């Protein structure tokens, strides 16, 4: 079974949070944004991916708080 992940661009559009802010929150790892479900390292570049349900859950919890 193949898993499909949302890119940082998709996540930014869905959450209304800027790409740079997402990257900062992921690197800080302080619980203000979900950690990626997938990390792909190629050369010096890192690509993050989130499962759709991870972002849905984040958006639901964000609205409740």
PDB file of N, CA and C in Angstrom:
ATOM      1  N   UNK A   1       0.839  -1.185   0.000  1.00  0.00           N
ATOM      2  CA  UNK A   1       0.000   0.000   0.000  1.00  0.00           C
ATOM      3  C   UNK A   1       0.883   1.247   0.000  1.00  0.00           C
ATOM      4  N   UNK A   2       0.535   2.186  -0.821  1.00  0.00           N
ATOM      5  CA  UNK A   2       1.284   3.433  -0.912  1.00  0.00           C
ATOM      6  C   UNK A   2       0.652   4.481  -0.010  1.00  0.00           C
ATOM      7  N   UNK A   3       1.479   5.174   0.753  1.00  0.00           N
ATOM      8  CA  UNK A   3       1.006   6.284   1.578  1.00  0.00           C
ATOM      9  C   UNK A   3       1.207   7.590   0.816  1.00  0.00           C
ATOM     10  N   UNK A   4       0.250   8.474   0.913  1.00  0.00           N
ATOM     11  CA  UNK A   4       0.348   9.793   0.299  1.00  0.00           C
ATOM     12  C   UNK A   4       0.502  10.832   1.398  1.00  0.00           C
ATOM     13  N   UNK A   5       1.435  11.748   1.178  1.00  0.00           N
ATOM     14  CA  UNK A   5       1.753  12.772   2.161  1.00  0.00           C
ATOM     15  C   UNK A   5       1.515  14.156   1.583  1.00  0.00           C
ATOM     16  N   UNK A   6       1.213  15.085   2.455  1.00  0.00           N
ATOM     17  CA  UNK A   6       1.049  16.479   2.055  1.00  0.00           C
ATOM     18  C   UNK A   6       2.405  17.176   2.144  1.00  0.00           C
ATOM     19  N   UNK A   7       2.683  17.983   1.145  1.00  0.00           N
ATOM     20  CA  UNK A   7       3.936  18.749   1.129  1.00  0.00           C
ATOM     21  C   UNK A   7       3.808  19.951   2.057  1.00  0.00           C
ATOM     22  N   UNK A   8       4.917  20.599   2.304  1.00  0.00           N
ATOM     23  CA  UNK A   8       4.897  21.786   3.157  1.00  0.00           C
ATOM     24  C   UNK A   8       4.045  22.879   2.513  1.00  0.00           C
ATOM     25  N   UNK A   9       4.037  22.945   1.186  1.00  0.00           N
ATOM     26  CA  UNK A   9       3.202  23.926   0.478  1.00  0.00           C
ATOM     27  C   UNK A   9       1.722  23.635   0.743  1.00  0.00           C
ATOM     28  N   UNK A  10       1.330  22.366   0.611  1.00  0.00           N
ATOM     29  CA  UNK A  10      -0.060  21.981   0.880  1.00  0.00           C
ATOM     30  C   UNK A  10      -0.453  22.287   2.321  1.00  0.00           C
ATOM     31  N   UNK A  11       0.431  21.942   3.236  1.00  0.00           N
ATOM     32  CA  UNK A  11       0.164  22.160   4.665  1.00  0.00           C
ATOM     33  C   UNK A  11       0.036  23.648   4.961  1.00  0.00           C
ATOM     34  N   UNK A  12       0.889  24.449   4.360  1.00  0.00           N
ATOM     35  CA  UNK A  12       0.829  25.893   4.548  1.00  0.00           C
ATOM     36  C   UNK A  12      -0.518  26.445   4.083  1.00  0.00           C
ATOM     37  N   UNK A  13      -0.961  26.000   2.925  1.00  0.00           N
ATOM     38  CA  UNK A  13      -2.242  26.464   2.394  1.00  0.00           C
ATOM     39  C   UNK A  13      -3.415  26.021   3.267  1.00  0.00           C
ATOM     40  N   UNK A  14      -3.367  24.803   3.774  1.00  0.00           N
ATOM     41  CA  UNK A  14      -4.469  24.269   4.585  1.00  0.00           C
ATOM     42  C   UNK A  14      -4.541  24.872   5.981  1.00  0.00           C
ATOM     43  N   UNK A  15      -3.388  25.216   6.537  1.00  0.00           N
ATOM     44  CA  UNK A  15      -3.371  25.720   7.913  1.00  0.00           C
ATOM     45  C   UNK A  15      -3.332  27.243   7.989  1.00  0.00           C
ATOM     46  N   UNK A  16      -2.946  27.882   6.895  1.00  0.00           N
ATOM     47  CA  UNK A  16      -2.798  29.338   6.913  1.00  0.00           C
ATOM     48  C   UNK A  16      -1.516  29.783   7.596  1.00  0.00           C
ATOM     49  N   UNK A  17      -0.607  28.859   7.828  1.00  0.00           N
ATOM     50  CA  UNK A  17       0.677  29.155   8.467  1.00  0.00           C
ATOM     51  C   UNK A  17       1.749  29.176   7.385  1.00  0.00           C
ATOM     52  N   UNK A  18       2.591  30.178   7.408  1.00  0.00           N
ATOM     53  CA  UNK A  18       3.639  30.313   6.405  1.00  0.00           C
ATOM     54  C   UNK A  18       4.652  29.175   6.443  1.00  0.00           C
ATOM     55  N   UNK A  19       5.240  28.928   5.288  1.00  0.00           N
ATOM     56  CA  UNK A  19       6.223  27.856   5.140  1.00  0.00           C
ATOM     57  C   UNK A  19       7.384  28.011   6.125  1.00  0.00           C
ATOM     58  N   UNK A  20       7.905  29.215   6.233  1.00  0.00           N
ATOM     59  CA  UNK A  20       9.034  29.476   7.126  1.00  0.00           C
ATOM     60  C   UNK A  20       8.653  29.219   8.578  1.00  0.00           C
ATOM     61  N   UNK A  21       7.447  29.610   8.958  1.00  0.00           N
ATOM     62  CA  UNK A  21       6.977  29.389  10.326  1.00  0.00           C
ATOM     63  C   UNK A  21       6.838  27.891  10.610  1.00  0.00           C
ATOM     64  N   UNK A  22       6.324  27.151   9.634  1.00  0.00           N
ATOM     65  CA  UNK A  22       6.211  25.700   9.808  1.00  0.00           C
ATOM     66  C   UNK A  22       7.588  25.089  10.011  1.00  0.00           C
ATOM     67  N   UNK A  23       8.536  25.452   9.162  1.00  0.00           N
ATOM     68  CA  UNK A  23       9.896  24.916   9.295  1.00  0.00           C
ATOM     69  C   UNK A  23      10.492  25.259  10.659  1.00  0.00           C
ATOM     70  N   UNK A  24      10.290  26.478  11.112  1.00  0.00           N
ATOM     71  CA  UNK A  24      10.792  26.894  12.426  1.00  0.00           C
ATOM     72  C   UNK A  24      10.178  26.040  13.537  1.00  0.00           C
ATOM     73  N   UNK A  25       8.858  25.858  13.483  1.00  0.00           N
ATOM     74  CA  UNK A  25       8.169  25.083  14.522  1.00  0.00           C
ATOM     75  C   UNK A  25       8.587  23.617  14.508  1.00  0.00           C
ATOM     76  N   UNK A  26       8.812  23.062  13.330  1.00  0.00           N
ATOM     77  CA  UNK A  26       9.271  21.676  13.232  1.00  0.00           C
ATOM     78  C   UNK A  26      10.660  21.547  13.844  1.00  0.00           C
ATOM     79  N   UNK A  27      11.535  22.473  13.535  1.00  0.00           N
ATOM     80  CA  UNK A  27      12.907  22.413  14.068  1.00  0.00           C
ATOM     81  C   UNK A  27      12.953  22.658  15.567  1.00  0.00           C
ATOM     82  N   UNK A  28      12.059  23.521  16.060  1.00  0.00           N
ATOM     83  CA  UNK A  28      12.004  23.785  17.501  1.00  0.00           C
ATOM     84  C   UNK A  28      11.450  22.580  18.257  1.00  0.00           C
ATOM     85  N   UNK A  29      10.566  21.839  17.620  1.00  0.00           N
ATOM     86  CA  UNK A  29       9.970  20.642  18.211  1.00  0.00           C
ATOM     87  C   UNK A  29       9.411  20.919  19.613  1.00  0.00           C
ATOM     88  N   UNK A  30       8.644  22.001  19.714  1.00  0.00           N
ATOM     89  CA  UNK A  30       8.113  22.387  21.024  1.00  0.00           C
ATOM     90  C   UNK A  30       6.610  22.122  21.167  1.00  0.00           C
ATOM     91  N   UNK A  31       6.060  21.328  20.239  1.00  0.00           N
ATOM     92  CA  UNK A  31       4.662  20.957  20.351  1.00  0.00           C
ATOM     93  C   UNK A  31       3.683  21.938  19.737  1.00  0.00           C
ATOM     94  N   UNK A  32       4.167  23.018  19.119  1.00  0.00           N
ATOM     95  CA  UNK A  32       3.252  23.989  18.520  1.00  0.00           C
ATOM     96  C   UNK A  32       2.828  23.599  17.110  1.00  0.00           C
ATOM     97  N   UNK A  33       3.448  22.557  16.564  1.00  0.00           N
ATOM     98  CA  UNK A  33       3.086  22.055  15.241  1.00  0.00           C
ATOM     99  C   UNK A  33       3.469  20.587  15.173  1.00  0.00           C
ATOM    100  N   UNK A  34       2.655  19.764  14.495  1.00  0.00           N
ATOM    101  CA  UNK A  34       2.978  18.333  14.443  1.00  0.00           C
ATOM    102  C   UNK A  34       4.274  18.058  13.685  1.00  0.00           C
ATOM    103  N   UNK A  35       5.041  17.138  14.199  1.00  0.00           N
ATOM    104  CA  UNK A  35       6.254  16.712  13.506  1.00  0.00           C
ATOM    105  C   UNK A  35       5.850  15.970  12.228  1.00  0.00           C
ATOM    106  N   UNK A  36       6.682  16.042  11.204  1.00  0.00           N
ATOM    107  CA  UNK A  36       6.342  15.372   9.951  1.00  0.00           C
ATOM    108  C   UNK A  36       6.236  13.859  10.129  1.00  0.00           C
ATOM    109  N   UNK A  37       5.377  13.254   9.328  1.00  0.00           N
ATOM    110  CA  UNK A  37       5.227  11.805   9.329  1.00  0.00           C
ATOM    111  C   UNK A  37       6.272  11.145   8.440  1.00  0.00           C
ATOM    112  N   UNK A  38       6.865  11.923   7.547  1.00  0.00           N
ATOM    113  CA  UNK A  38       7.909  11.408   6.660  1.00  0.00           C
ATOM    114  C   UNK A  38       8.991  12.464   6.498  1.00  0.00           C
ATOM    115  N   UNK A  39      10.230  12.011   6.497  1.00  0.00           N
ATOM    116  CA  UNK A  39      11.373  12.888   6.247  1.00  0.00           C
ATOM    117  C   UNK A  39      12.217  12.211   5.174  1.00  0.00           C
ATOM    118  N   UNK A  40      12.438  12.916   4.091  1.00  0.00           N
ATOM    119  CA  UNK A  40      13.224  12.380   2.987  1.00  0.00           C
ATOM    120  C   UNK A  40      14.476  13.224   2.851  1.00  0.00           C
ATOM    121  N   UNK A  41      15.609  12.582   2.985  1.00  0.00           N
ATOM    122  CA  UNK A  41      16.903  13.258   2.882  1.00  0.00           C
ATOM    123  C   UNK A  41      17.470  12.971   1.500  1.00  0.00           C
ATOM    124  N   UNK A  42      17.786  14.021   0.742  1.00  0.00           N
ATOM    125  CA  UNK A  42      18.466  13.843  -0.532  1.00  0.00           C
ATOM    126  C   UNK A  42      19.530  14.914  -0.646  1.00  0.00           C
ATOM    127  N   UNK A  43      20.765  14.430  -0.736  1.00  0.00           N
ATOM    128  CA  UNK A  43      21.940  15.294  -0.653  1.00  0.00           C
ATOM    129  C   UNK A  43      21.851  16.122   0.621  1.00  0.00           C
ATOM    130  N   UNK A  44      21.867  17.427   0.505  1.00  0.00           N
ATOM    131  CA  UNK A  44      21.784  18.288   1.696  1.00  0.00           C
ATOM    132  C   UNK A  44      20.376  18.773   1.970  1.00  0.00           C
ATOM    133  N   UNK A  45      19.448  18.390   1.129  1.00  0.00           N
ATOM    134  CA  UNK A  45      18.075  18.869   1.237  1.00  0.00           C
ATOM    135  C   UNK A  45      17.219  17.866   2.001  1.00  0.00           C
ATOM    136  N   UNK A  46      16.305  18.397   2.798  1.00  0.00           N
ATOM    137  CA  UNK A  46      15.362  17.560   3.534  1.00  0.00           C
ATOM    138  C   UNK A  46      13.957  17.948   3.082  1.00  0.00           C
ATOM    139  N   UNK A  47      13.151  16.946   2.783  1.00  0.00           N
ATOM    140  CA  UNK A  47      11.756  17.165   2.415  1.00  0.00           C
ATOM    141  C   UNK A  47      10.885  16.532   3.486  1.00  0.00           C
ATOM    142  N   UNK A  48       9.911  17.309   3.962  1.00  0.00           N
ATOM    143  CA  UNK A  48       8.991  16.829   4.987  1.00  0.00           C
ATOM    144  C   UNK A  48       7.648  16.490   4.361  1.00  0.00           C
ATOM    145  N   UNK A  49       6.959  15.522   4.959  1.00  0.00           N
ATOM    146  CA  UNK A  49       5.618  15.170   4.518  1.00  0.00           C
ATOM    147  C   UNK A  49       4.737  14.832   5.707  1.00  0.00           C
ATOM    148  N   UNK A  50       3.470  15.211   5.611  1.00  0.00           N
ATOM    149  CA  UNK A  50       2.501  14.943   6.666  1.00  0.00           C
ATOM    150  C   UNK A  50       1.347  14.143   6.096  1.00  0.00           C
ATOM    151  N   UNK A  51       0.893  13.162   6.848  1.00  0.00           N
ATOM    152  CA  UNK A  51      -0.300  12.436   6.455  1.00  0.00           C
ATOM    153  C   UNK A  51      -1.502  13.385   6.518  1.00  0.00           C
ATOM    154  N   UNK A  52      -2.458  13.228   5.622  1.00  0.00           N
ATOM    155  CA  UNK A  52      -3.633  14.111   5.648  1.00  0.00           C
ATOM    156  C   UNK A  52      -4.318  14.151   7.018  1.00  0.00           C
ATOM    157  N   UNK A  53      -4.415  12.997   7.678  1.00  0.00           N
ATOM    158  CA  UNK A  53      -5.098  12.978   8.983  1.00  0.00           C
ATOM    159  C   UNK A  53      -4.319  13.741  10.055  1.00  0.00           C
ATOM    160  N   UNK A  54      -3.011  13.812   9.926  1.00  0.00           N
ATOM    161  CA  UNK A  54      -2.208  14.585  10.885  1.00  0.00           C
ATOM    162  C   UNK A  54      -2.593  16.058  10.810  1.00  0.00           C
ATOM    163  N   UNK A  55      -2.735  16.577   9.605  1.00  0.00           N
ATOM    164  CA  UNK A  55      -3.072  17.993   9.431  1.00  0.00           C
ATOM    165  C   UNK A  55      -4.539  18.243   9.775  1.00  0.00           C
ATOM    166  N   UNK A  56      -5.409  17.314   9.438  1.00  0.00           N
ATOM    167  CA  UNK A  56      -6.830  17.449   9.818  1.00  0.00           C
ATOM    168  C   UNK A  56      -6.960  17.528  11.334  1.00  0.00           C
ATOM    169  N   UNK A  57      -6.244  16.651  12.026  1.00  0.00           N
ATOM    170  CA  UNK A  57      -6.261  16.645  13.488  1.00  0.00           C
ATOM    171  C   UNK A  57      -5.707  17.961  14.046  1.00  0.00           C
ATOM    172  N   UNK A  58      -4.619  18.443  13.468  1.00  0.00           N
ATOM    173  CA  UNK A  58      -4.037  19.710  13.914  1.00  0.00           C
ATOM    174  C   UNK A  58      -5.040  20.844  13.742  1.00  0.00           C
ATOM    175  N   UNK A  59      -5.666  20.920  12.569  1.00  0.00           N
ATOM    176  CA  UNK A  59      -6.637  21.988  12.311  1.00  0.00           C
ATOM    177  C   UNK A  59      -7.815  21.906  13.251  1.00  0.00           C
ATOM    178  N   UNK A  60      -8.292  20.701  13.548  1.00  0.00           N
ATOM    179  CA  UNK A  60      -9.416  20.527  14.475  1.00  0.00           C
ATOM    180  C   UNK A  60      -9.023  20.988  15.878  1.00  0.00           C
ATOM    181  N   UNK A  61      -7.860  20.561  16.345  1.00  0.00           N
ATOM    182  CA  UNK A  61      -7.404  20.942  17.689  1.00  0.00           C
ATOM    183  C   UNK A  61      -7.089  22.419  17.772  1.00  0.00           C
ATOM    184  N   UNK A  62      -6.568  23.001  16.714  1.00  0.00           N
ATOM    185  CA  UNK A  62      -6.225  24.421  16.691  1.00  0.00           C
ATOM    186  C   UNK A  62      -7.499  25.268  16.848  1.00  0.00           C
ATOM    187  N   UNK A  63      -8.572  24.855  16.201  1.00  0.00           N
ATOM    188  CA  UNK A  63      -9.834  25.595  16.277  1.00  0.00           C
ATOM    189  C   UNK A  63     -10.489  25.471  17.634  1.00  0.00           C
ATOM    190  N   UNK A  64     -10.258  24.342  18.314  1.00  0.00           N
ATOM    191  CA  UNK A  64     -10.846  24.126  19.643  1.00  0.00           C
ATOM    192  C   UNK A  64     -10.143  24.937  20.710  1.00  0.00           C
ATOM    193  N   UNK A  65      -8.867  25.258  20.492  1.00  0.00           N
ATOM    194  CA  UNK A  65      -8.094  26.000  21.521  1.00  0.00           C
ATOM    195  C   UNK A  65      -8.206  27.468  21.380  1.00  0.00           C
TER     196      UNK A  65
END
